[in-house]
Amino acid sequence: MSQKADTFEIILGRVEHINASHFNCLSFAKASDMVNGINVRLSNMAGGYPFSFGGVTWHDSETLYLCGEFSDSSDEHRAIQEEMHRQTSGFAAKRFVKNKYKRFIRSDFSTFRIQWMLYVVWQKCKDNADFAKMLLQLPNDAIIIEDTTIQHCDTKEVWGCTNFELAARRAEVKKETIKQAKADYPNISKAALKRLVNSETCKVNGIGTFVGQNNLGKILMICRDCLIQGVEPPIDYALLESKDIHIMGKRLTFPTNNTPMSNLHIVA
């Protein structure tokens, strides 16, 4: 998304520099993050939005996405997928299964991971009405950003953006909130304190510059715009078809028409 007058172009795979003081940036880092007092639950890890795909119910989009990393036709990959699917959350699938089998990840996964993520998130949009409704309730001018500043993985600026100035200010607010809360409510529980800190830090916005490809944020915006327009996302089906992707023992087939990725626009 590069600035052109008051318009952003949503172009997957491109590094962006998004000035948070100039644009309406809606950033999220975890499933519990609040925006204007609303728990938006945009993270792939967020539960509560189960969806059906390939005859299987998925707890979250993260688990199905991770299965794409182990998606050749081998029995070994199918066993890994089934182990992932048995986990209670995408977080567990990533931590306890993916990390155990990293050496078996498809060597070509990086060549189709962005289109695979777009495809996976769109499946959730189509099959879970609550998730689609939540996306449609977001402001049309909001630039959705996954804030990966505090993450340590090597793809943090592929899927999201870093904003160290915002992170520093939120860290200050966290300390201030904890200090004041303990002074005002000496017996406050850990859970209540955590909720209060989350609520107060999420109010801090409009600071710094988000830097990164932000592909998950862009994918969410593409899906939101397609839901509004009543059209399918411009998924590169020819690419996905060429990758011989197997999920839970079935080879996926994709539409033969290949719609090239066009530039979608968001007016700020």
C-alpha atoms as a PDB file:
ATOM      1  CA  MET A   1       0.000   0.000   0.000  1.00  0.00           C
ATOM      2  CA  SER A   2       1.771   3.074  -1.126  1.00  0.00           C
ATOM      3  CA  GLN A   3       0.359   6.533  -0.695  1.00  0.00           C
ATOM      4  CA  LYS A   4      -0.917   8.196  -3.850  1.00  0.00           C
ATOM      5  CA  ALA A   5      -2.874  11.343  -3.052  1.00  0.00           C
ATOM      6  CA  ASP A   6      -5.384  10.012  -0.477  1.00  0.00           C
ATOM      7  CA  THR A   7      -5.478   6.492  -1.838  1.00  0.00           C
ATOM      8  CA  PHE A   8      -3.700   3.273  -0.876  1.00  0.00           C
ATOM      9  CA  GLU A   9      -3.002   0.570  -3.427  1.00  0.00           C
ATOM     10  CA  ILE A  10      -3.194  -2.903  -1.941  1.00  0.00           C
ATOM     11  CA  ILE A  11      -0.322  -4.795  -3.537  1.00  0.00           C
ATOM     12  CA  LEU A  12       0.642  -8.095  -1.942  1.00  0.00           C
ATOM     13  CA  GLY A  13       4.327  -8.751  -1.349  1.00  0.00           C
ATOM     14  CA  ARG A  14       5.478  -5.146  -1.322  1.00  0.00           C
ATOM     15  CA  VAL A  15       7.147  -3.444   1.638  1.00  0.00           C
ATOM     16  CA  GLU A  16       5.167  -0.466   2.936  1.00  0.00           C
ATOM     17  CA  HIS A  17       5.856   2.554   5.141  1.00  0.00           C
ATOM     18  CA  ILE A  18       2.531   3.607   6.658  1.00  0.00           C
ATOM     19  CA  ASN A  19       2.434   6.837   8.649  1.00  0.00           C
ATOM     20  CA  ALA A  20       0.115   6.106  11.565  1.00  0.00           C
ATOM     21  CA  SER A  21      -0.447   9.790  12.302  1.00  0.00           C
ATOM     22  CA  HIS A  22      -1.778  10.433   8.794  1.00  0.00           C
ATOM     23  CA  PHE A  23      -3.946   7.380   8.120  1.00  0.00           C
ATOM     24  CA  ASN A  24      -6.623   5.506  10.036  1.00  0.00           C
ATOM     25  CA  CYS A  25      -4.520   2.517  11.031  1.00  0.00           C
ATOM     26  CA  LEU A  26      -6.385  -0.347  12.668  1.00  0.00           C
ATOM     27  CA  SER A  27      -3.630  -2.519  14.092  1.00  0.00           C
ATOM     28  CA  PHE A  28      -3.851  -5.815  15.956  1.00  0.00           C
ATOM     29  CA  ALA A  29      -1.259  -8.112  17.478  1.00  0.00           C
ATOM     30  CA  LYS A  30      -3.247 -10.768  19.334  1.00  0.00           C
ATOM     31  CA  ALA A  31      -6.746 -12.177  19.554  1.00  0.00           C
ATOM     32  CA  SER A  32      -7.646 -10.115  22.628  1.00  0.00           C
ATOM     33  CA  ASP A  33      -6.840  -6.706  21.113  1.00  0.00           C
ATOM     34  CA  MET A  34      -9.518  -4.030  21.298  1.00  0.00           C
ATOM     35  CA  VAL A  35     -10.388  -1.330  18.759  1.00  0.00           C
ATOM     36  CA  ASN A  36     -12.724   1.398  19.974  1.00  0.00           C
ATOM     37  CA  GLY A  37     -13.774  -0.898  22.793  1.00  0.00           C
ATOM     38  CA  ILE A  38     -14.548  -3.797  20.444  1.00  0.00           C
ATOM     39  CA  ASN A  39     -12.632  -7.095  20.440  1.00  0.00           C
ATOM     40  CA  VAL A  40     -12.011  -7.414  16.681  1.00  0.00           C
ATOM     41  CA  ARG A  41     -10.352 -10.868  16.781  1.00  0.00           C
ATOM     42  CA  LEU A  42      -8.581 -10.427  13.447  1.00  0.00           C
ATOM     43  CA  SER A  43      -5.647 -12.680  14.250  1.00  0.00           C
ATOM     44  CA  ASN A  44      -5.380 -15.977  12.372  1.00  0.00           C
ATOM     45  CA  MET A  45      -4.888 -17.539  15.794  1.00  0.00           C
ATOM     46  CA  ALA A  46      -8.243 -16.278  17.064  1.00  0.00           C
ATOM     47  CA  GLY A  47     -10.765 -18.969  17.869  1.00  0.00           C
ATOM     48  CA  GLY A  48     -14.504 -18.477  17.730  1.00  0.00           C
ATOM     49  CA  TYR A  49     -14.693 -18.490  13.931  1.00  0.00           C
ATOM     50  CA  PRO A  50     -14.761 -22.180  12.939  1.00  0.00           C
ATOM     51  CA  PHE A  51     -15.301 -22.963   9.279  1.00  0.00           C
ATOM     52  CA  SER A  52     -15.664 -25.990   7.054  1.00  0.00           C
ATOM     53  CA  PHE A  53     -13.222 -26.778   4.282  1.00  0.00           C
ATOM     54  CA  GLY A  54     -12.571 -30.011   2.456  1.00  0.00           C
ATOM     55  CA  GLY A  55     -15.188 -31.820   4.507  1.00  0.00           C
ATOM     56  CA  VAL A  56     -13.377 -30.900   7.722  1.00  0.00           C
ATOM     57  CA  THR A  57     -14.152 -28.278  10.381  1.00  0.00           C
ATOM     58  CA  TRP A  58     -11.215 -26.013  11.232  1.00  0.00           C
ATOM     59  CA  HIS A  59     -10.942 -24.233  14.584  1.00  0.00           C
ATOM     60  CA  ASP A  60      -9.137 -21.293  13.022  1.00  0.00           C
ATOM     61  CA  SER A  61      -7.478 -20.183   9.799  1.00  0.00           C
ATOM     62  CA  GLU A  62      -3.972 -20.577  11.220  1.00  0.00           C
ATOM     63  CA  THR A  63      -4.227 -24.363  11.357  1.00  0.00           C
ATOM     64  CA  LEU A  64      -5.357 -24.697   7.749  1.00  0.00           C
ATOM     65  CA  TYR A  65      -2.658 -22.263   6.635  1.00  0.00           C
ATOM     66  CA  LEU A  66       0.008 -24.286   8.467  1.00  0.00           C
ATOM     67  CA  CYS A  67      -1.193 -27.457   6.765  1.00  0.00           C
ATOM     68  CA  GLY A  68      -0.181 -25.814   3.489  1.00  0.00           C
ATOM     69  CA  GLU A  69       3.424 -26.028   4.627  1.00  0.00           C
ATOM     70  CA  PHE A  70       3.057 -29.810   4.757  1.00  0.00           C
ATOM     71  CA  SER A  71       0.860 -30.357   1.717  1.00  0.00           C
ATOM     72  CA  ASP A  72       2.526 -32.790  -0.671  1.00  0.00           C
ATOM     73  CA  SER A  73       0.954 -36.178  -1.379  1.00  0.00           C
ATOM     74  CA  SER A  74       3.104 -38.141   1.068  1.00  0.00           C
ATOM     75  CA  ASP A  75       1.729 -40.133   3.978  1.00  0.00           C
ATOM     76  CA  GLU A  76       4.170 -38.252   6.182  1.00  0.00           C
ATOM     77  CA  HIS A  77       2.642 -34.872   5.339  1.00  0.00           C
ATOM     78  CA  ARG A  78      -0.884 -36.205   5.795  1.00  0.00           C
ATOM     79  CA  ALA A  79       0.046 -37.498   9.253  1.00  0.00           C
ATOM     80  CA  ILE A  80       1.466 -34.081  10.195  1.00  0.00           C
ATOM     81  CA  GLN A  81      -1.714 -32.362   9.007  1.00  0.00           C
ATOM     82  CA  GLU A  82      -3.882 -34.732  11.013  1.00  0.00           C
ATOM     83  CA  GLU A  83      -1.773 -34.099  14.095  1.00  0.00           C
ATOM     84  CA  MET A  84      -2.193 -30.352  13.558  1.00  0.00           C
ATOM     85  CA  HIS A  85      -5.935 -30.710  13.148  1.00  0.00           C
ATOM     86  CA  ARG A  86      -6.177 -32.569  16.463  1.00  0.00           C
ATOM     87  CA  GLN A  87      -4.756 -29.571  18.316  1.00  0.00           C
ATOM     88  CA  THR A  88      -7.133 -27.251  20.140  1.00  0.00           C
ATOM     89  CA  SER A  89      -5.854 -24.073  18.488  1.00  0.00           C
ATOM     90  CA  GLY A  90      -3.647 -22.640  15.767  1.00  0.00           C
ATOM     91  CA  PHE A  91      -1.209 -21.597  18.476  1.00  0.00           C
ATOM     92  CA  ALA A  92      -0.863 -25.206  19.615  1.00  0.00           C
ATOM     93  CA  ALA A  93      -0.576 -26.449  16.016  1.00  0.00           C
ATOM     94  CA  LYS A  94       2.280 -24.048  15.403  1.00  0.00           C
ATOM     95  CA  ARG A  95       4.109 -24.494  18.679  1.00  0.00           C
ATOM     96  CA  PHE A  96       3.774 -28.223  19.205  1.00  0.00           C
ATOM     97  CA  VAL A  97       3.492 -29.618  15.689  1.00  0.00           C
ATOM     98  CA  LYS A  98       5.031 -27.286  13.117  1.00  0.00           C
ATOM     99  CA  ASN A  99       8.089 -26.628  15.254  1.00  0.00           C
ATOM    100  CA  LYS A 100       8.593 -30.378  15.671  1.00  0.00           C
ATOM    101  CA  TYR A 101       8.513 -31.052  11.927  1.00  0.00           C
ATOM    102  CA  LYS A 102      10.103 -27.909  10.486  1.00  0.00           C
ATOM    103  CA  ARG A 103      12.586 -29.959   8.493  1.00  0.00           C
ATOM    104  CA  PHE A 104       9.691 -31.419   6.463  1.00  0.00           C
ATOM    105  CA  ILE A 105       8.189 -28.099   5.321  1.00  0.00           C
ATOM    106  CA  ARG A 106       7.787 -27.902   1.547  1.00  0.00           C
ATOM    107  CA  SER A 107      10.881 -26.294   0.056  1.00  0.00           C
ATOM    108  CA  ASP A 108       8.711 -24.334  -2.380  1.00  0.00           C
ATOM    109  CA  PHE A 109       6.193 -23.064   0.182  1.00  0.00           C
ATOM    110  CA  SER A 110       7.471 -19.474   0.095  1.00  0.00           C
ATOM    111  CA  THR A 111       6.583 -19.318  -3.613  1.00  0.00           C
ATOM    112  CA  PHE A 112       2.859 -19.686  -2.948  1.00  0.00           C
ATOM    113  CA  ARG A 113       2.354 -18.876   0.752  1.00  0.00           C
ATOM    114  CA  ILE A 114       0.770 -15.445   0.149  1.00  0.00           C
ATOM    115  CA  GLN A 115      -1.797 -16.752  -2.331  1.00  0.00           C
ATOM    116  CA  TRP A 116      -2.443 -19.728  -0.052  1.00  0.00           C
ATOM    117  CA  MET A 117      -3.104 -17.371   2.871  1.00  0.00           C
ATOM    118  CA  LEU A 118      -5.504 -15.308   0.735  1.00  0.00           C
ATOM    119  CA  TYR A 119      -7.305 -18.498  -0.263  1.00  0.00           C
ATOM    120  CA  VAL A 120      -7.507 -19.761   3.349  1.00  0.00           C
ATOM    121  CA  VAL A 121      -8.794 -16.493   4.826  1.00  0.00           C
ATOM    122  CA  TRP A 122     -11.394 -16.266   2.052  1.00  0.00           C
ATOM    123  CA  GLN A 123     -12.654 -19.755   2.947  1.00  0.00           C
ATOM    124  CA  LYS A 124     -13.230 -18.498   6.498  1.00  0.00           C
ATOM    125  CA  CYS A 125     -15.040 -15.419   5.169  1.00  0.00           C
ATOM    126  CA  LYS A 126     -17.328 -17.561   3.032  1.00  0.00           C
ATOM    127  CA  ASP A 127     -18.181 -20.159   5.651  1.00  0.00           C
ATOM    128  CA  ASN A 128     -18.322 -18.144   8.881  1.00  0.00           C
ATOM    129  CA  ALA A 129     -20.973 -15.418   8.775  1.00  0.00           C
ATOM    130  CA  ASP A 130     -19.821 -13.895  12.078  1.00  0.00           C
ATOM    131  CA  PHE A 131     -16.296 -13.354  10.770  1.00  0.00           C
ATOM    132  CA  ALA A 132     -17.594 -11.826   7.532  1.00  0.00           C
ATOM    133  CA  LYS A 133     -19.939  -9.568   9.507  1.00  0.00           C
ATOM    134  CA  MET A 134     -17.087  -8.439  11.747  1.00  0.00           C
ATOM    135  CA  LEU A 135     -14.966  -7.495   8.718  1.00  0.00           C
ATOM    136  CA  LEU A 136     -17.864  -5.571   7.197  1.00  0.00           C
ATOM    137  CA  GLN A 137     -18.312  -3.590  10.403  1.00  0.00           C
ATOM    138  CA  LEU A 138     -14.793  -2.176  10.218  1.00  0.00           C
ATOM    139  CA  PRO A 139     -14.458   1.380   8.859  1.00  0.00           C
ATOM    140  CA  ASN A 140     -14.040   1.427   5.085  1.00  0.00           C
ATOM    141  CA  ASP A 141     -11.083   3.796   5.383  1.00  0.00           C
ATOM    142  CA  ALA A 142      -9.278   1.655   7.969  1.00  0.00           C
ATOM    143  CA  ILE A 143      -5.854   0.355   6.977  1.00  0.00           C
ATOM    144  CA  ILE A 144      -5.766  -3.051   8.687  1.00  0.00           C
ATOM    145  CA  ILE A 145      -2.292  -3.880   9.986  1.00  0.00           C
ATOM    146  CA  GLU A 146      -0.944  -6.879  11.847  1.00  0.00           C
ATOM    147  CA  ASP A 147       1.464  -5.359  14.376  1.00  0.00           C
ATOM    148  CA  THR A 148       4.342  -7.846  14.620  1.00  0.00           C
ATOM    149  CA  THR A 149       6.791  -5.554  16.428  1.00  0.00           C
ATOM    150  CA  ILE A 150       7.310  -7.837  19.414  1.00  0.00           C
ATOM    151  CA  GLN A 151       7.363 -11.083  17.437  1.00  0.00           C
ATOM    152  CA  HIS A 152      10.643 -12.937  16.887  1.00  0.00           C
ATOM    153  CA  CYS A 153       9.918 -15.057  13.792  1.00  0.00           C
ATOM    154  CA  ASP A 154      11.714 -14.418  10.512  1.00  0.00           C
ATOM    155  CA  THR A 155       8.445 -13.672   8.674  1.00  0.00           C
ATOM    156  CA  LYS A 156       7.269 -10.900  11.016  1.00  0.00           C
ATOM    157  CA  GLU A 157       7.581  -8.257   8.279  1.00  0.00           C
ATOM    158  CA  VAL A 158       6.138 -10.575   5.626  1.00  0.00           C
ATOM    159  CA  TRP A 159       2.758 -10.932   7.338  1.00  0.00           C
ATOM    160  CA  GLY A 160       2.739  -7.740   9.344  1.00  0.00           C
ATOM    161  CA  CYS A 161       4.591  -4.544  10.161  1.00  0.00           C
ATOM    162  CA  THR A 162       6.823  -3.267  12.930  1.00  0.00           C
ATOM    163  CA  ASN A 163       6.267   0.077  14.647  1.00  0.00           C
ATOM    164  CA  PHE A 164       8.810   0.551  17.412  1.00  0.00           C
ATOM    165  CA  GLU A 165       7.672   4.064  18.352  1.00  0.00           C
ATOM    166  CA  LEU A 166       4.140   2.842  18.996  1.00  0.00           C
ATOM    167  CA  ALA A 167       5.438  -0.174  20.920  1.00  0.00           C
ATOM    168  CA  ALA A 168       7.578   2.071  23.151  1.00  0.00           C
ATOM    169  CA  ARG A 169       4.657   4.356  23.989  1.00  0.00           C
ATOM    170  CA  ARG A 170       2.367   1.420  24.707  1.00  0.00           C
ATOM    171  CA  ALA A 171       5.026  -0.039  27.018  1.00  0.00           C
ATOM    172  CA  GLU A 172       5.021   3.252  28.947  1.00  0.00           C
ATOM    173  CA  VAL A 173       1.230   3.219  29.183  1.00  0.00           C
ATOM    174  CA  LYS A 174       1.353  -0.379  30.422  1.00  0.00           C
ATOM    175  CA  LYS A 175       3.682   0.571  33.274  1.00  0.00           C
ATOM    176  CA  GLU A 176       1.596   3.629  34.153  1.00  0.00           C
ATOM    177  CA  THR A 177      -1.631   1.618  34.105  1.00  0.00           C
ATOM    178  CA  ILE A 178      -0.251  -1.148  36.329  1.00  0.00           C
ATOM    179  CA  LYS A 179       1.107   1.344  38.828  1.00  0.00           C
ATOM    180  CA  GLN A 180      -2.156   3.296  39.018  1.00  0.00           C
ATOM    181  CA  ALA A 181      -4.330   0.191  39.142  1.00  0.00           C
ATOM    182  CA  LYS A 182      -2.371  -1.309  42.040  1.00  0.00           C
ATOM    183  CA  ALA A 183      -2.614   1.990  43.893  1.00  0.00           C
ATOM    184  CA  ASP A 184      -6.369   2.297  43.332  1.00  0.00           C
ATOM    185  CA  TYR A 185      -7.242  -1.399  43.626  1.00  0.00           C
ATOM    186  CA  PRO A 186      -4.664  -3.190  45.838  1.00  0.00           C
ATOM    187  CA  ASN A 187      -6.538  -6.502  45.549  1.00  0.00           C
ATOM    188  CA  ILE A 188      -7.083  -6.443  41.793  1.00  0.00           C
ATOM    189  CA  SER A 189      -6.810  -9.897  40.261  1.00  0.00           C
ATOM    190  CA  LYS A 190      -4.211 -10.754  37.619  1.00  0.00           C
ATOM    191  CA  ALA A 191      -6.947 -11.389  35.059  1.00  0.00           C
ATOM    192  CA  ALA A 192      -8.639  -8.051  35.726  1.00  0.00           C
ATOM    193  CA  LEU A 193      -5.305  -6.228  35.607  1.00  0.00           C
ATOM    194  CA  LYS A 194      -4.467  -7.902  32.302  1.00  0.00           C
ATOM    195  CA  ARG A 195      -7.815  -6.819  30.823  1.00  0.00           C
ATOM    196  CA  LEU A 196      -7.323  -3.263  32.046  1.00  0.00           C
ATOM    197  CA  VAL A 197      -3.789  -3.064  30.626  1.00  0.00           C
ATOM    198  CA  ASN A 198      -4.952  -4.441  27.298  1.00  0.00           C
ATOM    199  CA  SER A 199      -7.811  -1.948  27.131  1.00  0.00           C
ATOM    200  CA  GLU A 200      -5.605   1.057  27.944  1.00  0.00           C
ATOM    201  CA  THR A 201      -2.684   0.158  25.684  1.00  0.00           C
ATOM    202  CA  CYS A 202      -4.988  -0.495  22.728  1.00  0.00           C
ATOM    203  CA  LYS A 203      -6.266   3.073  23.044  1.00  0.00           C
ATOM    204  CA  VAL A 204      -2.808   4.334  22.071  1.00  0.00           C
ATOM    205  CA  ASN A 205      -2.737   4.783  18.303  1.00  0.00           C
ATOM    206  CA  GLY A 206      -1.698   7.266  15.647  1.00  0.00           C
ATOM    207  CA  ILE A 207       2.001   7.064  16.548  1.00  0.00           C
ATOM    208  CA  GLY A 208       5.038   6.152  14.453  1.00  0.00           C
ATOM    209  CA  THR A 209       5.375   4.415  11.098  1.00  0.00           C
ATOM    210  CA  PHE A 210       4.426   0.817  10.332  1.00  0.00           C
ATOM    211  CA  VAL A 211       7.071  -0.869   8.177  1.00  0.00           C
ATOM    212  CA  GLY A 212       6.659  -4.236   6.474  1.00  0.00           C
ATOM    213  CA  GLN A 213       4.786  -6.090   3.750  1.00  0.00           C
ATOM    214  CA  ASN A 214       1.705  -6.484   5.971  1.00  0.00           C
ATOM    215  CA  ASN A 215       0.347  -9.269   3.785  1.00  0.00           C
ATOM    216  CA  LEU A 216      -2.162 -10.526   6.358  1.00  0.00           C
ATOM    217  CA  GLY A 217      -3.525  -7.029   6.860  1.00  0.00           C
ATOM    218  CA  LYS A 218      -3.777  -6.575   3.099  1.00  0.00           C
ATOM    219  CA  ILE A 219      -5.507  -9.932   2.712  1.00  0.00           C
ATOM    220  CA  LEU A 220      -8.086  -8.957   5.322  1.00  0.00           C
ATOM    221  CA  MET A 221      -8.696  -5.688   3.464  1.00  0.00           C
ATOM    222  CA  ILE A 222      -9.025  -7.505   0.139  1.00  0.00           C
ATOM    223  CA  CYS A 223     -11.560  -9.881   1.678  1.00  0.00           C
ATOM    224  CA  ARG A 224     -13.456  -6.997   3.282  1.00  0.00           C
ATOM    225  CA  ASP A 225     -13.656  -5.134  -0.035  1.00  0.00           C
ATOM    226  CA  CYS A 226     -14.752  -8.273  -1.891  1.00  0.00           C
ATOM    227  CA  LEU A 227     -17.499  -8.907   0.672  1.00  0.00           C
ATOM    228  CA  ILE A 228     -18.707  -5.332   0.180  1.00  0.00           C
ATOM    229  CA  GLN A 229     -18.633  -5.663  -3.604  1.00  0.00           C
ATOM    230  CA  GLY A 230     -20.044  -9.189  -3.646  1.00  0.00           C
ATOM    231  CA  VAL A 231     -17.152 -10.533  -5.731  1.00  0.00           C
ATOM    232  CA  GLU A 232     -14.437 -13.171  -5.374  1.00  0.00           C
ATOM    233  CA  PRO A 233     -10.884 -12.121  -4.476  1.00  0.00           C
ATOM    234  CA  PRO A 234      -8.368 -12.109  -7.356  1.00  0.00           C
ATOM    235  CA  ILE A 235      -6.652 -15.303  -6.185  1.00  0.00           C
ATOM    236  CA  ASP A 236      -3.934 -16.695  -8.438  1.00  0.00           C
ATOM    237  CA  TYR A 237      -5.598 -20.070  -8.896  1.00  0.00           C
ATOM    238  CA  ALA A 238      -3.198 -21.100 -11.652  1.00  0.00           C
ATOM    239  CA  LEU A 239      -0.304 -20.815  -9.208  1.00  0.00           C
ATOM    240  CA  LEU A 240      -2.100 -22.813  -6.515  1.00  0.00           C
ATOM    241  CA  GLU A 241      -3.167 -25.476  -9.042  1.00  0.00           C
ATOM    242  CA  SER A 242       0.444 -25.871 -10.174  1.00  0.00           C
ATOM    243  CA  LYS A 243       1.609 -26.610  -6.620  1.00  0.00           C
ATOM    244  CA  ASP A 244      -0.213 -29.955  -6.266  1.00  0.00           C
ATOM    245  CA  ILE A 245      -1.601 -29.127  -2.820  1.00  0.00           C
ATOM    246  CA  HIS A 246      -3.032 -31.958  -0.722  1.00  0.00           C
ATOM    247  CA  ILE A 247      -5.088 -31.325   2.406  1.00  0.00           C
ATOM    248  CA  MET A 248      -6.178 -34.187   4.683  1.00  0.00           C
ATOM    249  CA  GLY A 249      -5.564 -36.772   1.983  1.00  0.00           C
ATOM    250  CA  LYS A 250      -7.301 -34.931  -0.857  1.00  0.00           C
ATOM    251  CA  ARG A 251      -5.693 -33.093  -3.748  1.00  0.00           C
ATOM    252  CA  LEU A 252      -7.174 -29.612  -4.025  1.00  0.00           C
ATOM    253  CA  THR A 253      -8.412 -28.458  -7.416  1.00  0.00           C
ATOM    254  CA  PHE A 254      -8.830 -24.814  -8.275  1.00  0.00           C
ATOM    255  CA  PRO A 255     -10.790 -22.919 -10.951  1.00  0.00           C
ATOM    256  CA  THR A 256      -9.077 -22.965 -14.325  1.00  0.00           C
ATOM    257  CA  ASN A 257      -9.673 -19.278 -14.945  1.00  0.00           C
ATOM    258  CA  ASN A 258      -6.707 -17.319 -13.632  1.00  0.00           C
ATOM    259  CA  THR A 259      -7.685 -13.822 -12.571  1.00  0.00           C
ATOM    260  CA  PRO A 260      -4.517 -11.720 -12.211  1.00  0.00           C
ATOM    261  CA  MET A 261      -4.075  -9.756  -9.024  1.00  0.00           C
ATOM    262  CA  SER A 262      -5.396  -6.267  -9.649  1.00  0.00           C
ATOM    263  CA  ASN A 263      -4.726  -3.230  -7.489  1.00  0.00           C
ATOM    264  CA  LEU A 264      -7.520  -2.608  -5.030  1.00  0.00           C
ATOM    265  CA  HIS A 265      -7.807   0.832  -3.493  1.00  0.00           C
ATOM    266  CA  ILE A 266      -8.720   2.217  -0.105  1.00  0.00           C
ATOM    267  CA  VAL A 267      -9.466   5.922   0.172  1.00  0.00           C
ATOM    268  CA  ALA A 268      -8.187   7.366   3.423  1.00  0.00           C
END
